[in-house]
């Protein structure tokens, strides 16, 4: 089955140039070989034209928040991609060594390409990079959505709540669940032998040595990136993602419905967000794995798209709850980012949230902390500090505590807009799944996005939903969490 047209967006008006040497897949967001619609589209086109396939996977040093943590995670995935593609396509893994060194590489390859296929991703620097490339290339550039089960651009607007978006999804999912991408994108390709990189390009932009990809800690130490953010213990790449998914299906999913909110319950939340964000794991693969684990068939779907959180899939409560997070909430974030270029800005919050926060903007704050104090986890609040320490050491925060984490930054900042700026910065700098539609909209949820006015009206928060560490500690089990992530000694 061909990649559906609704996943494909023409990024420029240039033609396919059949006379050129190869089809190029510019891998930017879906950095994987399995369940990758963009790679599948590139293979389709290469087969149609009778041309070989080249894959460019590059890593700049000049992107915002470039650090040992983020670089090492991506490089670990690059090593696996090189091995998995083998002789089926040329995989050019390029590591930039100084800012701007890689400039011109895409254009040089594009000048030899029949067409360029890339990933569609609606946030961080990638939309600007894609638009700039589209203007420079003289060959057709297509962007393919490899992130969402239901292509995120089909929404066409910003949905105010998860309920509204869930109704939209439930109308479309029966069709798209039957059109999940192929596990092996090149399984039907039968392509000519992988091309050799032109000598002039290979000399100016040499491929990373396999030994470098295998030992990223050696590479990143010499790069002009942020060395204050160390590698996280979580390993990048599809192999680690697949192992985590398999373990969670057996150990975490059965307890997910009742225990996912408790920070003391390790292994209950999936923990897949770092690999989903980096593109090392596809949501398609996770959805298929959950449905197979549950013995699901389309006949179990509810007949009406009523927007209900539970019961529509016809699965166990645990699986229903998880898929609501993975499909509804995650894909809502992508739809919002695609519809609202200002999705990271304070002005993108709902009018009611801005109005109530601004009405209380001059309320006395019980405490104010500088961004440096927050980054260090040096507040008076042991639970908040533990959540921040988990972010610093592991690159993640437990899902429940991430909500509290954002709410307290709002409370401890001089203005709501300043609080949002600090929360986004801390998340993007330290989190393996930062700089993502889902994590950006998750931070803004703490300030009122996708929510409704709550009572009673409170200082600082106004009608924005309030959370406190004291109530959280009563609601959730946190004793072991505090012991794991409390202050050393």
Protein backbone atom coordinates (compact mmCIF):
# COMPACT_ATOMS: atom_id res chain seq x y z
CA UNK A 1 0.00 0.00 0.00
CA UNK A 2 1.36 3.42 -0.97
CA UNK A 3 1.93 6.10 1.64
CA UNK A 4 -1.41 7.95 1.87
CA UNK A 5 -1.45 11.34 0.18
CA UNK A 6 -2.76 12.95 3.38
CA UNK A 7 0.61 12.21 5.02
CA UNK A 8 2.53 14.01 2.27
CA UNK A 9 2.93 17.77 1.91
CA UNK A 10 4.67 19.44 -1.03
CA UNK A 11 7.06 21.95 0.55
CA UNK A 12 7.94 23.67 -2.72
CA UNK A 13 6.76 23.85 -6.33
CA UNK A 14 9.94 22.46 -7.94
CA UNK A 15 9.61 19.39 -10.19
CA UNK A 16 10.80 15.83 -9.81
CA UNK A 17 13.99 15.61 -11.89
CA UNK A 18 14.00 12.10 -13.30
CA UNK A 19 17.36 12.47 -15.01
CA UNK A 20 19.31 12.77 -11.77
CA UNK A 21 21.17 10.08 -9.88
CA UNK A 22 19.12 9.08 -6.77
CA UNK A 23 16.21 9.82 -4.50
CA UNK A 24 17.27 11.49 -1.25
CA UNK A 25 15.63 11.00 2.13
CA UNK A 26 16.66 13.81 4.47
CA UNK A 27 16.08 12.23 7.89
CA UNK A 28 15.44 14.95 10.49
CA UNK A 29 12.67 13.96 12.93
CA UNK A 30 11.80 10.31 12.25
CA UNK A 31 15.30 9.01 12.89
CA UNK A 32 14.54 5.33 12.47
CA UNK A 33 14.33 2.58 9.88
CA UNK A 34 11.14 0.85 11.09
CA UNK A 35 7.59 2.21 10.68
CA UNK A 36 8.84 5.30 8.88
CA UNK A 37 6.41 6.70 6.27
CA UNK A 38 8.95 9.21 4.92
CA UNK A 39 11.48 6.46 4.27
CA UNK A 40 8.68 4.38 2.75
CA UNK A 41 7.69 7.29 0.47
CA UNK A 42 11.32 7.76 -0.60
CA UNK A 43 11.58 4.04 -1.37
CA UNK A 44 8.34 4.14 -3.38
CA UNK A 45 9.58 7.03 -5.47
CA UNK A 46 13.00 5.45 -5.98
CA UNK A 47 11.37 2.21 -7.17
CA UNK A 48 9.07 4.13 -9.51
CA UNK A 49 12.00 6.00 -11.05
CA UNK A 50 14.35 3.01 -11.05
CA UNK A 51 16.87 4.94 -8.97
CA UNK A 52 18.90 4.08 -5.86
CA UNK A 53 18.13 5.64 -2.49
CA UNK A 54 20.38 7.86 -0.38
CA UNK A 55 19.66 8.80 3.24
CA UNK A 56 21.16 11.90 4.82
CA UNK A 57 21.09 11.90 8.63
CA UNK A 58 22.94 14.95 9.89
CA UNK A 59 23.39 16.45 13.34
CA UNK A 60 24.20 20.13 13.74
CA UNK A 61 26.01 21.67 16.69
CA UNK A 62 24.30 25.05 16.44
CA UNK A 63 20.72 24.13 17.34
CA UNK A 64 19.25 25.54 20.55
CA UNK A 65 20.07 23.47 23.65
CA UNK A 66 22.66 21.30 21.90
CA UNK A 67 24.32 19.37 24.72
CA UNK A 68 26.14 16.15 25.58
CA UNK A 69 22.77 14.70 26.64
CA UNK A 70 20.87 15.37 23.43
CA UNK A 71 23.78 14.76 21.08
CA UNK A 72 24.75 11.40 22.56
CA UNK A 73 21.16 10.16 22.49
CA UNK A 74 20.76 11.02 18.79
CA UNK A 75 24.17 9.62 17.83
CA UNK A 76 23.33 6.28 19.42
CA UNK A 77 20.35 6.09 17.10
CA UNK A 78 22.45 7.10 14.08
CA UNK A 79 24.74 4.14 14.66
CA UNK A 80 21.79 1.75 14.60
CA UNK A 81 20.32 3.33 11.48
CA UNK A 82 23.59 2.90 9.63
CA UNK A 83 23.68 -0.80 10.54
CA UNK A 84 20.01 -1.44 9.77
CA UNK A 85 20.04 0.19 6.36
CA UNK A 86 23.07 -1.88 5.38
CA UNK A 87 23.40 -2.04 1.60
CA UNK A 88 19.75 -1.19 0.95
CA UNK A 89 20.48 2.53 0.81
CA UNK A 90 23.42 4.85 1.24
CA UNK A 91 23.28 6.18 4.80
CA UNK A 92 25.37 9.31 5.16
CA UNK A 93 25.72 10.05 8.88
CA UNK A 94 27.17 13.54 9.13
CA UNK A 95 28.30 15.10 12.42
CA UNK A 96 28.95 18.81 12.25
CA UNK A 97 32.10 19.77 14.16
CA UNK A 98 31.70 23.55 14.24
CA UNK A 99 28.70 25.86 13.70
CA UNK A 100 27.89 26.23 10.02
CA UNK A 101 30.31 23.55 8.86
CA UNK A 102 27.47 21.49 7.37
CA UNK A 103 26.02 24.39 5.41
CA UNK A 104 25.59 23.46 1.76
CA UNK A 105 25.50 19.69 2.24
CA UNK A 106 21.78 19.34 1.57
CA UNK A 107 21.97 21.56 -1.51
CA UNK A 108 24.94 19.60 -2.85
CA UNK A 109 23.05 16.32 -2.49
CA UNK A 110 19.82 17.89 -3.72
CA UNK A 111 21.55 18.99 -6.93
CA UNK A 112 22.05 15.29 -7.70
CA UNK A 113 18.65 14.12 -6.46
CA UNK A 114 15.49 13.34 -8.42
CA UNK A 115 13.50 14.41 -5.37
CA UNK A 116 14.06 15.06 -1.68
CA UNK A 117 11.78 13.54 0.96
CA UNK A 118 11.93 14.69 4.58
CA UNK A 119 10.00 14.59 7.85
CA UNK A 120 7.19 16.96 8.76
CA UNK A 121 7.55 18.23 12.33
CA UNK A 122 5.65 21.31 13.56
CA UNK A 123 7.84 22.81 16.27
CA UNK A 124 11.37 23.72 17.43
CA UNK A 125 13.67 24.92 14.61
CA UNK A 126 12.54 22.27 12.14
CA UNK A 127 9.71 24.24 10.41
CA UNK A 128 12.11 27.14 9.73
CA UNK A 129 14.81 24.77 8.49
CA UNK A 130 12.36 23.03 6.18
CA UNK A 131 11.05 26.32 4.76
CA UNK A 132 14.59 27.56 4.11
CA UNK A 133 15.54 24.32 2.37
CA UNK A 134 12.39 24.40 0.24
CA UNK A 135 13.34 27.85 -1.02
CA UNK A 136 16.91 26.82 -1.88
CA UNK A 137 16.36 23.45 -3.56
CA UNK A 138 15.62 23.29 -7.30
CA UNK A 139 14.01 19.88 -6.93
CA UNK A 140 10.75 18.69 -5.41
CA UNK A 141 10.79 18.60 -1.61
CA UNK A 142 8.10 16.61 0.18
CA UNK A 143 7.49 16.57 3.94
CA UNK A 144 5.89 13.42 5.34
CA UNK A 145 4.11 13.10 8.69
CA UNK A 146 5.71 10.16 10.47
CA UNK A 147 4.59 11.20 13.94
CA UNK A 148 0.84 10.74 14.28
CA UNK A 149 -1.60 7.90 13.64
CA UNK A 150 -4.06 10.41 12.20
CA UNK A 151 -1.98 12.94 10.19
CA UNK A 152 -1.78 16.06 12.29
CA UNK A 153 -2.45 18.49 9.45
CA UNK A 154 -5.88 16.97 8.87
CA UNK A 155 -7.08 18.81 11.98
CA UNK A 156 -6.70 22.14 10.21
CA UNK A 157 -7.29 24.14 13.38
CA UNK A 158 -6.42 24.50 17.05
CA UNK A 159 -8.74 22.43 19.27
CA UNK A 160 -9.53 23.99 22.66
CA UNK A 161 -9.78 20.74 24.65
CA UNK A 162 -8.75 17.11 24.53
CA UNK A 163 -12.44 16.19 24.43
CA UNK A 164 -12.97 18.15 21.20
CA UNK A 165 -9.89 16.62 19.60
CA UNK A 166 -10.84 13.14 20.79
CA UNK A 167 -14.15 13.42 18.92
CA UNK A 168 -12.22 14.43 15.79
CA UNK A 169 -9.90 11.44 16.19
CA UNK A 170 -12.65 8.94 16.86
CA UNK A 171 -14.29 9.85 13.55
CA UNK A 172 -11.05 9.28 11.63
CA UNK A 173 -9.23 6.54 13.51
CA UNK A 174 -11.16 3.55 12.07
CA UNK A 175 -9.74 4.40 8.63
CA UNK A 176 -6.23 5.26 9.79
CA UNK A 177 -5.81 2.23 12.03
CA UNK A 178 -6.18 0.24 8.82
CA UNK A 179 -3.50 2.33 7.13
CA UNK A 180 -0.62 2.10 9.60
CA UNK A 181 2.80 2.36 7.92
CA UNK A 182 4.74 -0.75 7.02
CA UNK A 183 7.07 -2.19 9.64
CA UNK A 184 9.77 -2.43 6.96
CA UNK A 185 9.50 0.72 4.83
CA UNK A 186 11.79 -0.70 2.14
CA UNK A 187 10.29 -4.19 2.12
CA UNK A 188 8.79 -3.73 -1.35
CA UNK A 189 11.40 -1.39 -2.77
CA UNK A 190 13.75 -3.71 -4.77
CA UNK A 191 16.05 -0.77 -5.43
CA UNK A 192 19.23 -0.54 -7.48
CA UNK A 193 22.47 -0.82 -5.48
CA UNK A 194 23.11 2.01 -3.05
CA UNK A 195 24.99 4.87 -4.68
CA UNK A 196 28.46 6.00 -3.76
CA UNK A 197 28.64 9.54 -2.47
CA UNK A 198 30.24 11.88 -5.02
CA UNK A 199 33.90 12.36 -4.15
CA UNK A 200 33.70 16.12 -3.78
CA UNK A 201 30.82 15.84 -1.29
CA UNK A 202 32.47 13.03 0.67
CA UNK A 203 35.67 15.07 0.97
CA UNK A 204 34.00 18.26 2.14
CA UNK A 205 31.37 16.65 4.39
CA UNK A 206 32.82 13.28 5.39
CA UNK A 207 30.63 10.63 6.99
CA UNK A 208 31.14 9.97 10.68
CA UNK A 209 33.39 7.05 11.42
CA UNK A 210 31.46 4.00 12.73
CA UNK A 211 33.72 4.00 15.79
CA UNK A 212 32.64 7.55 16.57
CA UNK A 213 28.99 6.60 16.33
CA UNK A 214 29.59 3.62 18.59
CA UNK A 215 31.25 5.77 21.28
CA UNK A 216 29.41 9.11 21.26
CA UNK A 217 30.88 10.19 24.58
CA UNK A 218 34.24 10.61 22.83
CA UNK A 219 32.74 12.69 20.05
CA UNK A 220 30.61 15.05 22.09
CA UNK A 221 33.46 15.95 24.42
CA UNK A 222 35.21 17.73 21.55
CA UNK A 223 32.20 19.55 20.16
CA UNK A 224 31.18 23.17 20.87
CA UNK A 225 27.97 22.20 22.69
CA UNK A 226 26.76 22.54 26.27
CA UNK A 227 28.86 20.18 28.38
CA UNK A 228 27.05 21.19 31.57
CA UNK A 229 24.16 18.91 30.60
CA UNK A 230 25.63 15.41 30.91
CA UNK A 231 24.48 12.26 29.16
CA UNK A 232 21.43 10.62 30.68
CA UNK A 233 21.45 6.93 31.66
CA UNK A 234 18.79 6.19 29.03
CA UNK A 235 20.31 4.97 25.77
CA UNK A 236 19.08 6.23 22.42
CA UNK A 237 18.18 4.09 19.43
CA UNK A 238 15.45 1.74 18.29
CA UNK A 239 16.92 -1.28 20.08
CA UNK A 240 16.65 0.32 23.53
CA UNK A 241 13.20 1.66 22.67
CA UNK A 242 11.98 -1.76 21.58
CA UNK A 243 13.30 -3.40 24.73
CA UNK A 244 11.56 -0.82 26.90
CA UNK A 245 8.28 -1.27 25.02
CA UNK A 246 8.36 -5.07 25.33
CA UNK A 247 9.12 -4.91 29.06
CA UNK A 248 6.42 -2.33 29.72
CA UNK A 249 3.75 -4.33 27.91
CA UNK A 250 4.35 -7.23 30.27
CA UNK A 251 5.09 -5.39 33.50
CA UNK A 252 3.66 -1.87 33.29
CA UNK A 253 0.52 -2.01 31.19
CA UNK A 254 -1.39 -4.39 33.50
CA UNK A 255 -1.00 -1.86 36.36
CA UNK A 256 -1.33 1.28 34.27
CA UNK A 257 -4.97 2.16 34.98
CA UNK A 258 -4.67 2.20 38.76
CA UNK A 259 -1.00 3.06 39.40
CA UNK A 260 0.25 5.34 36.62
CA UNK A 261 -0.17 8.49 38.75
CA UNK A 262 1.95 7.25 41.67
CA UNK A 263 5.61 8.30 41.43
CA UNK A 264 6.63 5.48 43.77
CA UNK A 265 5.41 2.87 41.27
CA UNK A 266 8.39 2.44 38.97
CA UNK A 267 7.87 0.99 35.52
CA UNK A 268 4.12 1.67 35.33
CA UNK A 269 4.32 4.65 33.00
CA UNK A 270 5.68 3.63 29.62
CA UNK A 271 8.75 5.89 29.71
CA UNK A 272 8.76 5.91 25.90
CA UNK A 273 8.67 9.68 25.36
CA UNK A 274 12.45 10.18 24.82
CA UNK A 275 12.46 7.71 21.91
CA UNK A 276 9.16 8.98 20.51
CA UNK A 277 10.49 12.54 20.52
CA UNK A 278 13.80 11.64 18.90
CA UNK A 279 12.06 9.57 16.24
CA UNK A 280 13.79 6.36 17.31
CA UNK A 281 10.37 4.82 18.02
CA UNK A 282 7.13 5.30 16.06
CA UNK A 283 3.78 5.78 17.74
CA UNK A 284 2.47 3.44 15.03
CA UNK A 285 4.61 0.63 16.41
CA UNK A 286 3.47 1.30 19.98
CA UNK A 287 -0.20 1.40 19.01
CA UNK A 288 0.11 -1.83 17.04
CA UNK A 289 1.94 -3.52 19.91
CA UNK A 290 -0.73 -2.53 22.44
CA UNK A 291 -3.57 -3.63 20.17
CA UNK A 292 -1.92 -6.98 19.52
CA UNK A 293 -1.20 -7.47 23.21
CA UNK A 294 -4.89 -6.90 23.91
CA UNK A 295 -6.11 -9.17 21.10
CA UNK A 296 -7.97 -6.23 19.56
CA UNK A 297 -10.01 -6.30 16.35
CA UNK A 298 -11.81 -3.39 14.62
CA UNK A 299 -15.13 -4.98 15.57
CA UNK A 300 -14.50 -3.85 19.17
CA UNK A 301 -14.65 -0.13 18.31
CA UNK A 302 -17.63 1.78 19.62
CA UNK A 303 -20.03 2.80 16.84
CA UNK A 304 -20.27 6.47 17.87
CA UNK A 305 -17.55 9.13 18.10
CA UNK A 306 -18.75 10.73 21.34
CA UNK A 307 -15.39 11.92 22.62
CA UNK A 308 -15.48 9.70 25.72
CA UNK A 309 -12.11 8.91 27.26
CA UNK A 310 -12.97 5.28 28.00
CA UNK A 311 -14.87 2.59 26.16
CA UNK A 312 -14.34 3.70 22.56
CA UNK A 313 -11.50 1.30 21.78
CA UNK A 314 -13.13 -1.74 23.37
CA UNK A 315 -9.97 -2.54 25.32
CA UNK A 316 -9.05 -3.05 28.98
CA UNK A 317 -9.17 0.09 31.17
CA UNK A 318 -5.35 0.13 31.26
CA UNK A 319 -4.97 0.03 27.48
CA UNK A 320 -7.76 2.60 26.99
CA UNK A 321 -6.08 4.98 29.43
CA UNK A 322 -2.68 4.58 27.79
CA UNK A 323 -3.94 5.04 24.23
CA UNK A 324 -5.73 8.19 25.30
CA UNK A 325 -2.36 9.58 26.35
CA UNK A 326 -0.45 8.30 23.32
CA UNK A 327 -3.01 9.13 20.65
CA UNK A 328 -5.35 11.83 21.94
CA UNK A 329 -3.05 13.98 24.05
CA UNK A 330 0.11 13.47 22.04
CA UNK A 331 -1.50 14.09 18.67
CA UNK A 332 -3.45 17.06 20.03
CA UNK A 333 -0.07 18.66 20.72
CA UNK A 334 1.02 18.15 17.11
CA UNK A 335 -2.25 19.57 15.77
CA UNK A 336 -1.91 22.66 17.99
CA UNK A 337 1.68 23.29 16.94
CA UNK A 338 0.78 22.93 13.26
CA UNK A 339 -2.19 25.29 13.54
CA UNK A 340 -0.51 27.90 15.77
CA UNK A 341 2.98 29.12 14.94
CA UNK A 342 2.85 31.00 18.26
CA UNK A 343 2.13 27.79 20.23
CA UNK A 344 5.04 28.35 22.65
CA UNK A 345 4.12 31.94 23.47
CA UNK A 346 2.17 33.26 26.43
CA UNK A 347 -0.25 34.94 24.04
CA UNK A 348 -1.34 31.54 22.69
CA UNK A 349 -3.02 30.61 25.99
CA UNK A 350 -6.84 30.67 26.07
CA UNK A 351 -8.29 34.13 26.62
CA UNK A 352 -9.85 33.12 29.95
CA UNK A 353 -6.49 31.86 31.26
CA UNK A 354 -4.63 35.02 30.28
CA UNK A 355 -7.35 37.19 31.74
CA UNK A 356 -7.37 35.47 35.13
CA UNK A 357 -3.56 35.23 35.34
CA UNK A 358 -3.18 38.89 34.44
CA UNK A 359 -5.81 39.87 37.01
CA UNK A 360 -3.56 38.26 39.63
CA UNK A 361 -0.20 39.18 38.12
CA UNK A 362 0.49 41.68 40.92
CA UNK A 363 -0.46 39.32 43.73
CA UNK A 364 2.34 38.90 46.28
CA UNK A 365 4.34 35.74 45.67
CA UNK A 366 5.11 33.75 48.83
CA UNK A 367 8.54 33.03 47.36
CA UNK A 368 10.45 34.03 44.24
CA UNK A 369 13.23 31.91 42.80
CA UNK A 370 15.71 32.81 40.10
CA UNK A 371 16.01 30.60 37.02
CA UNK A 372 19.38 29.37 38.30
CA UNK A 373 17.89 28.36 41.66
CA UNK A 374 15.10 26.50 39.90
CA UNK A 375 17.53 24.77 37.55
CA UNK A 376 19.58 23.63 40.55
CA UNK A 377 16.52 22.31 42.39
CA UNK A 378 17.32 24.65 45.26
CA UNK A 379 13.90 25.62 46.59
CA UNK A 380 12.23 25.13 49.97
CA UNK A 381 10.01 22.36 48.52
CA UNK A 382 11.49 18.82 48.82
CA UNK A 383 9.06 17.24 46.34
CA UNK A 384 9.62 19.90 43.68
CA UNK A 385 13.37 19.67 44.19
CA UNK A 386 13.23 15.89 43.77
CA UNK A 387 11.31 16.26 40.50
CA UNK A 388 13.88 18.75 39.22
CA UNK A 389 16.73 16.45 40.26
CA UNK A 390 15.13 13.60 38.34
CA UNK A 391 15.01 15.88 35.31
CA UNK A 392 18.68 16.82 35.74
CA UNK A 393 19.94 13.27 36.22
CA UNK A 394 17.57 11.17 34.09
CA UNK A 395 16.24 13.64 31.53
CA UNK A 396 12.61 12.95 32.49
CA UNK A 397 10.09 13.77 35.22
CA UNK A 398 7.37 11.40 36.32
CA UNK A 399 4.19 12.31 34.43
CA UNK A 400 2.19 13.34 37.49
CA UNK A 401 4.97 15.38 39.03
CA UNK A 402 5.65 17.21 35.77
CA UNK A 403 2.25 18.89 36.19
CA UNK A 404 3.10 19.96 39.74
CA UNK A 405 6.56 21.05 38.57
CA UNK A 406 5.08 23.49 36.06
CA UNK A 407 2.43 24.82 38.43
CA UNK A 408 4.97 25.71 41.09
CA UNK A 409 7.17 27.54 38.57
CA UNK A 410 4.12 29.71 37.83
CA UNK A 411 3.67 30.35 41.56
CA UNK A 412 7.34 31.20 42.18
CA UNK A 413 7.88 33.53 39.20
CA UNK A 414 7.41 37.33 39.21
CA UNK A 415 4.87 37.18 36.34
CA UNK A 416 3.00 34.39 34.54
CA UNK A 417 4.82 35.06 31.27
CA UNK A 418 8.19 34.91 33.04
CA UNK A 419 7.18 31.61 34.62
CA UNK A 420 6.24 30.14 31.25
CA UNK A 421 9.55 31.21 29.78
CA UNK A 422 11.52 29.55 32.60
CA UNK A 423 9.45 26.35 32.49
CA UNK A 424 9.94 25.95 28.74
CA UNK A 425 13.65 26.68 29.05
CA UNK A 426 14.23 24.14 31.83
CA UNK A 427 12.21 21.52 29.98
CA UNK A 428 13.94 22.09 26.65
CA UNK A 429 17.40 22.19 28.18
CA UNK A 430 17.23 19.13 30.43
CA UNK A 431 14.50 16.82 29.14
CA UNK A 432 15.20 14.11 26.58
CA UNK A 433 11.66 14.68 25.33
CA UNK A 434 11.82 18.49 25.40
CA UNK A 435 11.52 20.62 22.23
CA UNK A 436 8.54 18.45 21.28
CA UNK A 437 4.90 19.33 20.50
CA UNK A 438 3.69 17.15 23.34
CA UNK A 439 6.08 18.52 25.96
CA UNK A 440 5.57 22.15 24.90
CA UNK A 441 1.80 21.87 25.11
CA UNK A 442 2.19 19.95 28.38
CA UNK A 443 4.05 22.89 29.90
CA UNK A 444 1.41 25.32 28.66
CA UNK A 445 -1.30 23.09 30.15
CA UNK A 446 0.07 24.11 33.55
CA UNK A 447 -0.87 27.69 32.61
CA UNK A 448 -4.39 26.83 31.36
CA UNK A 449 -4.13 25.38 27.87
CA UNK A 450 -6.81 22.74 27.09
CA UNK A 451 -8.31 23.31 30.55
CA UNK A 452 -11.30 25.23 31.93
CA UNK A 453 -11.71 27.79 34.73
CA UNK A 454 -11.58 26.21 38.20
CA UNK A 455 -12.83 27.46 41.54
CA UNK A 456 -12.32 28.79 44.03
CA UNK A 457 -10.40 31.74 42.65
CA UNK A 458 -6.96 31.82 44.25
CA UNK A 459 -4.09 34.27 44.57
CA UNK A 460 -1.59 34.12 41.70
CA UNK A 461 -3.46 31.34 39.87
CA UNK A 462 -6.84 33.02 39.65
CA UNK A 463 -9.13 30.44 38.02
CA UNK A 464 -6.26 28.36 36.57
CA UNK A 465 -6.17 24.87 38.09
CA UNK A 466 -4.16 24.86 41.32
CA UNK A 467 -1.82 22.15 42.61
CA UNK A 468 0.30 22.01 45.74
CA UNK A 469 3.09 19.72 46.87
CA UNK A 470 1.24 19.00 50.10
CA UNK A 471 -1.92 17.80 48.38
CA UNK A 472 0.15 15.88 45.83
CA UNK A 473 2.03 14.06 48.58
CA UNK A 474 -1.31 13.08 50.12
CA UNK A 475 -2.77 12.00 46.80
CA UNK A 476 0.21 10.08 45.41
CA UNK A 477 2.78 7.78 46.94
CA UNK A 478 6.05 9.74 46.94
CA UNK A 479 8.14 8.32 49.79
CA UNK A 480 10.35 6.14 47.59
CA UNK A 481 10.50 8.87 44.94
CA UNK A 482 11.83 11.33 47.51
CA UNK A 483 14.37 8.76 48.70
CA UNK A 484 15.61 8.18 45.12
CA UNK A 485 15.78 11.82 44.10
CA UNK A 486 16.26 13.66 47.36
CA UNK A 487 19.42 15.60 48.21
CA UNK A 488 22.61 13.53 48.28
CA UNK A 489 23.86 12.40 51.69
